[in-house]
Protein backbone atom coordinates (compact mmCIF):
# COMPACT_ATOMS: atom_id res chain seq x y z
CA MET A 1 120.13 93.39 76.21
CA ARG A 2 119.48 93.06 72.55
CA PHE A 3 119.66 96.39 70.76
CA THR A 4 120.52 97.09 67.15
CA ALA A 5 121.95 100.49 66.25
CA GLN A 6 119.91 100.78 63.07
CA GLU A 7 116.54 100.03 64.70
CA ARG A 8 114.21 103.03 64.54
CA THR A 9 113.21 103.28 68.19
CA ALA A 10 111.00 105.39 70.43
CA LEU A 11 110.88 105.59 74.22
CA PHE A 12 107.49 105.81 75.93
CA ILE A 13 107.87 106.79 79.59
CA ASP A 14 104.95 106.48 81.99
CA GLY A 15 106.23 109.20 84.34
CA ALA A 16 104.25 108.24 87.44
CA ASN A 17 105.09 104.56 87.07
CA LEU A 18 108.80 105.20 86.49
CA TYR A 19 108.93 107.59 89.45
CA ALA A 20 107.39 104.95 91.73
CA ALA A 21 109.84 102.29 90.51
CA THR A 22 112.92 104.49 90.99
CA ARG A 23 111.74 105.52 94.45
CA SER A 24 111.27 101.87 95.41
CA LEU A 25 114.77 101.09 94.14
CA GLY A 26 116.27 104.15 95.87
CA PHE A 27 117.68 106.25 93.04
CA ASP A 28 116.87 109.25 90.87
CA ILE A 29 117.11 109.35 87.09
CA ASP A 30 119.39 111.72 85.21
CA TYR A 31 117.18 112.20 82.16
CA ARG A 32 120.03 113.55 80.03
CA LYS A 33 122.02 110.36 80.69
CA LEU A 34 118.92 108.26 79.98
CA LEU A 35 118.53 109.88 76.57
CA ASP A 36 122.27 109.52 75.87
CA TYR A 37 122.26 105.87 76.98
CA PHE A 38 119.53 104.83 74.56
CA GLY A 39 120.53 107.35 71.88
CA THR A 40 124.03 105.90 71.54
CA GLN A 41 122.77 102.31 71.22
CA LEU A 42 119.77 102.86 68.97
CA HIS A 43 118.49 105.09 66.20
CA LEU A 44 116.28 107.06 68.61
CA ILE A 45 113.40 108.72 66.77
CA ARG A 46 111.54 110.14 69.76
CA ALA A 47 111.38 110.02 73.56
CA TYR A 48 107.94 110.66 75.05
CA TYR A 49 107.34 111.46 78.72
CA TYR A 50 103.75 111.27 80.05
CA SER A 51 102.59 112.99 83.21
CA ALA A 52 99.38 114.36 84.69
CA LEU A 53 99.91 117.72 86.39
CA LEU A 54 97.88 119.20 89.22
CA GLU A 55 97.04 122.72 88.07
CA THR A 56 95.31 123.90 91.23
CA GLU A 57 98.57 124.43 93.08
CA GLU A 58 100.68 127.53 92.48
CA TYR A 59 103.84 125.44 92.39
CA SER A 60 104.13 121.81 91.39
CA PRO A 61 107.26 119.83 92.23
CA LEU A 62 106.96 118.30 88.74
CA LYS A 63 107.16 121.68 86.99
CA PRO A 64 110.99 122.00 86.91
CA LEU A 65 111.30 118.42 85.59
CA THR A 66 108.64 118.79 82.91
CA ASP A 67 110.05 122.16 81.81
CA TRP A 68 113.54 120.67 81.56
CA LEU A 69 112.32 117.62 79.63
CA ALA A 70 110.40 119.78 77.15
CA TYR A 71 113.54 121.78 76.32
CA ASN A 72 115.99 118.87 76.26
CA GLY A 73 114.90 116.32 73.70
CA TYR A 74 111.74 114.82 75.18
CA SER A 75 108.24 115.12 73.76
CA LEU A 76 106.25 116.00 76.83
CA VAL A 77 102.63 114.86 76.99
CA THR A 78 100.62 116.21 79.92
CA LYS A 79 97.06 116.79 80.98
CA PRO A 80 95.50 118.25 84.10
CA ALA A 81 95.10 115.85 87.00
CA LYS A 82 91.68 115.73 88.63
CA GLU A 83 91.35 116.37 92.34
CA PHE A 84 88.43 114.87 94.27
CA THR A 85 87.34 113.81 97.74
CA ASP A 86 86.67 110.09 98.20
CA ALA A 87 83.86 108.48 100.25
CA GLN A 88 86.02 108.62 103.40
CA GLY A 89 86.57 112.36 102.96
CA LYS A 90 90.21 112.03 101.88
CA ARG A 91 91.65 114.26 99.14
CA ARG A 92 92.62 112.16 96.11
CA ILE A 93 94.29 112.94 92.82
CA LYS A 94 93.59 111.07 89.59
CA GLY A 95 95.66 111.49 86.45
CA ASN A 96 95.92 108.45 84.23
CA MET A 97 97.93 108.89 81.01
CA ASP A 98 97.39 105.38 79.59
CA ILE A 99 95.17 106.42 76.68
CA GLU A 100 97.52 109.18 75.55
CA LEU A 101 100.51 106.82 75.63
CA ALA A 102 98.59 104.07 73.80
CA ILE A 103 97.40 106.38 71.00
CA ASP A 104 100.88 107.83 70.44
CA MET A 105 102.49 104.39 70.37
CA LEU A 106 99.94 102.98 67.92
CA GLU A 107 100.22 106.03 65.64
CA LEU A 108 104.02 105.91 65.56
CA ALA A 109 104.32 102.09 65.32
CA PRO A 110 104.30 101.94 61.47
CA ARG A 111 107.48 104.05 61.44
CA LEU A 112 109.31 102.10 64.16
CA ASP A 113 111.24 98.87 64.52
CA HIS A 114 111.47 98.93 68.30
CA VAL A 115 109.48 100.45 71.16
CA ILE A 116 110.83 100.77 74.69
CA LEU A 117 108.06 101.16 77.26
CA PHE A 118 108.95 102.38 80.75
CA SER A 119 106.06 101.03 82.79
CA GLY A 120 104.98 97.94 84.65
CA ASP A 121 101.26 98.60 84.30
CA SER A 122 99.29 95.50 83.28
CA ASP A 123 96.88 97.73 81.30
CA PHE A 124 99.57 98.00 78.62
CA ARG A 125 99.67 94.26 77.83
CA ARG A 126 97.10 94.55 75.01
CA LEU A 127 98.86 97.64 73.64
CA VAL A 128 102.16 95.75 73.51
CA GLU A 129 100.42 92.85 71.75
CA ALA A 130 98.84 95.22 69.17
CA VAL A 131 102.17 96.92 68.44
CA GLN A 132 103.89 93.53 68.08
CA ARG A 133 101.26 92.51 65.49
CA LYS A 134 102.44 95.51 63.45
CA GLY A 135 105.94 93.99 63.38
CA VAL A 136 107.45 96.18 66.09
CA ARG A 137 109.68 94.69 68.77
CA VAL A 138 108.76 95.81 72.31
CA SER A 139 111.08 96.07 75.30
CA VAL A 140 109.60 96.84 78.70
CA VAL A 141 111.60 98.56 81.44
CA SER A 142 110.44 98.11 85.04
CA THR A 143 111.60 96.01 87.97
CA ILE A 144 111.04 92.72 89.72
CA LYS A 145 113.58 93.60 92.42
CA THR A 146 111.09 95.34 94.69
CA SER A 147 108.51 93.80 96.96
CA PRO A 148 106.01 93.55 95.41
CA PRO A 149 107.47 93.67 91.87
CA MET A 150 106.63 96.88 89.99
CA ILE A 151 105.85 95.02 86.75
CA ALA A 152 102.76 92.94 86.14
CA ASP A 153 103.62 89.39 85.18
CA GLU A 154 101.36 89.44 82.10
CA LEU A 155 103.13 92.54 80.73
CA ARG A 156 106.53 91.02 81.34
CA ARG A 157 105.54 87.82 79.50
CA GLN A 158 104.09 89.76 76.55
CA ALA A 159 107.22 91.86 75.98
CA ASP A 160 109.88 90.70 73.54
CA GLN A 161 112.48 91.78 76.06
CA PHE A 162 112.29 92.77 79.73
CA LEU A 163 114.92 95.12 81.13
CA ASP A 164 115.12 95.35 84.88
CA LEU A 165 115.51 98.96 85.86
CA ALA A 166 117.75 97.95 88.76
CA ASP A 167 120.23 96.34 86.34
CA ILE A 168 120.54 99.31 83.97
CA ALA A 169 120.18 102.08 86.59
CA PRO A 170 123.95 102.70 86.89
CA GLU A 171 123.91 103.91 83.28
CA PHE A 172 121.61 106.84 84.05
CA SER A 173 121.11 107.23 87.78
CA ARG A 174 121.87 110.58 89.33
CA ARG A 175 122.35 109.69 92.96
CA ALA A 176 121.01 107.40 95.61
CA ALA A 177 117.70 108.74 96.84
CA GLU A 178 117.61 109.20 100.56
CA PRO A 179 114.58 109.79 102.72
CA ARG A 180 114.32 113.51 103.34
CA SER A 181 114.31 114.49 106.97
CA ARG A 182 113.31 117.81 108.39
CA PRO A 183 116.01 119.68 110.28
CA SER A 184 115.45 120.00 114.00
CA ARG A 185 114.92 123.49 115.40
CA GLY A 186 118.58 123.68 116.41
CA ASP A 187 119.79 122.76 112.89
CA ALA A 188 117.78 125.35 110.97
CA ASP A 189 119.62 128.30 109.46
CA GLU A 190 118.59 131.59 111.05
């Protein structure tokens, strides 16, 4: 990895994309360690985390994470997810944060030397190209070590540097993720 301590840097984390990548690789992120890892190597200006939240439910499993991030050094960017029923009658949820991430990155680019994008989404290729034209170096964090790879080839080629999440995961992983099983009737606490 090529990092320079004096580079003014911002992290842009596509929450849904990063979650899918870590699940595919079988680990959870310790977001405090993630911030410390990049903060000790770079002059970290800001760390953004983007997530769409379903507001129709009383409790969202994302709520504890987003609350923690908001109070511990991350700039949290959220919007309500949209719930709809598709043509087959299945309940679907839509919550794309690409535009919010792109606007924030373009607005901050004149004050940065380096952007680190946590996403493999091919839609970000043109954004990366636009930020590079402003003289900003762009590193992309995703993985090719899943089947299929979580990063689009065109995004990987556009980036100045690609960091495979699997290679740097030991620096900020919390624990190996294991499939959750339900206890059998005999195992449940009474």
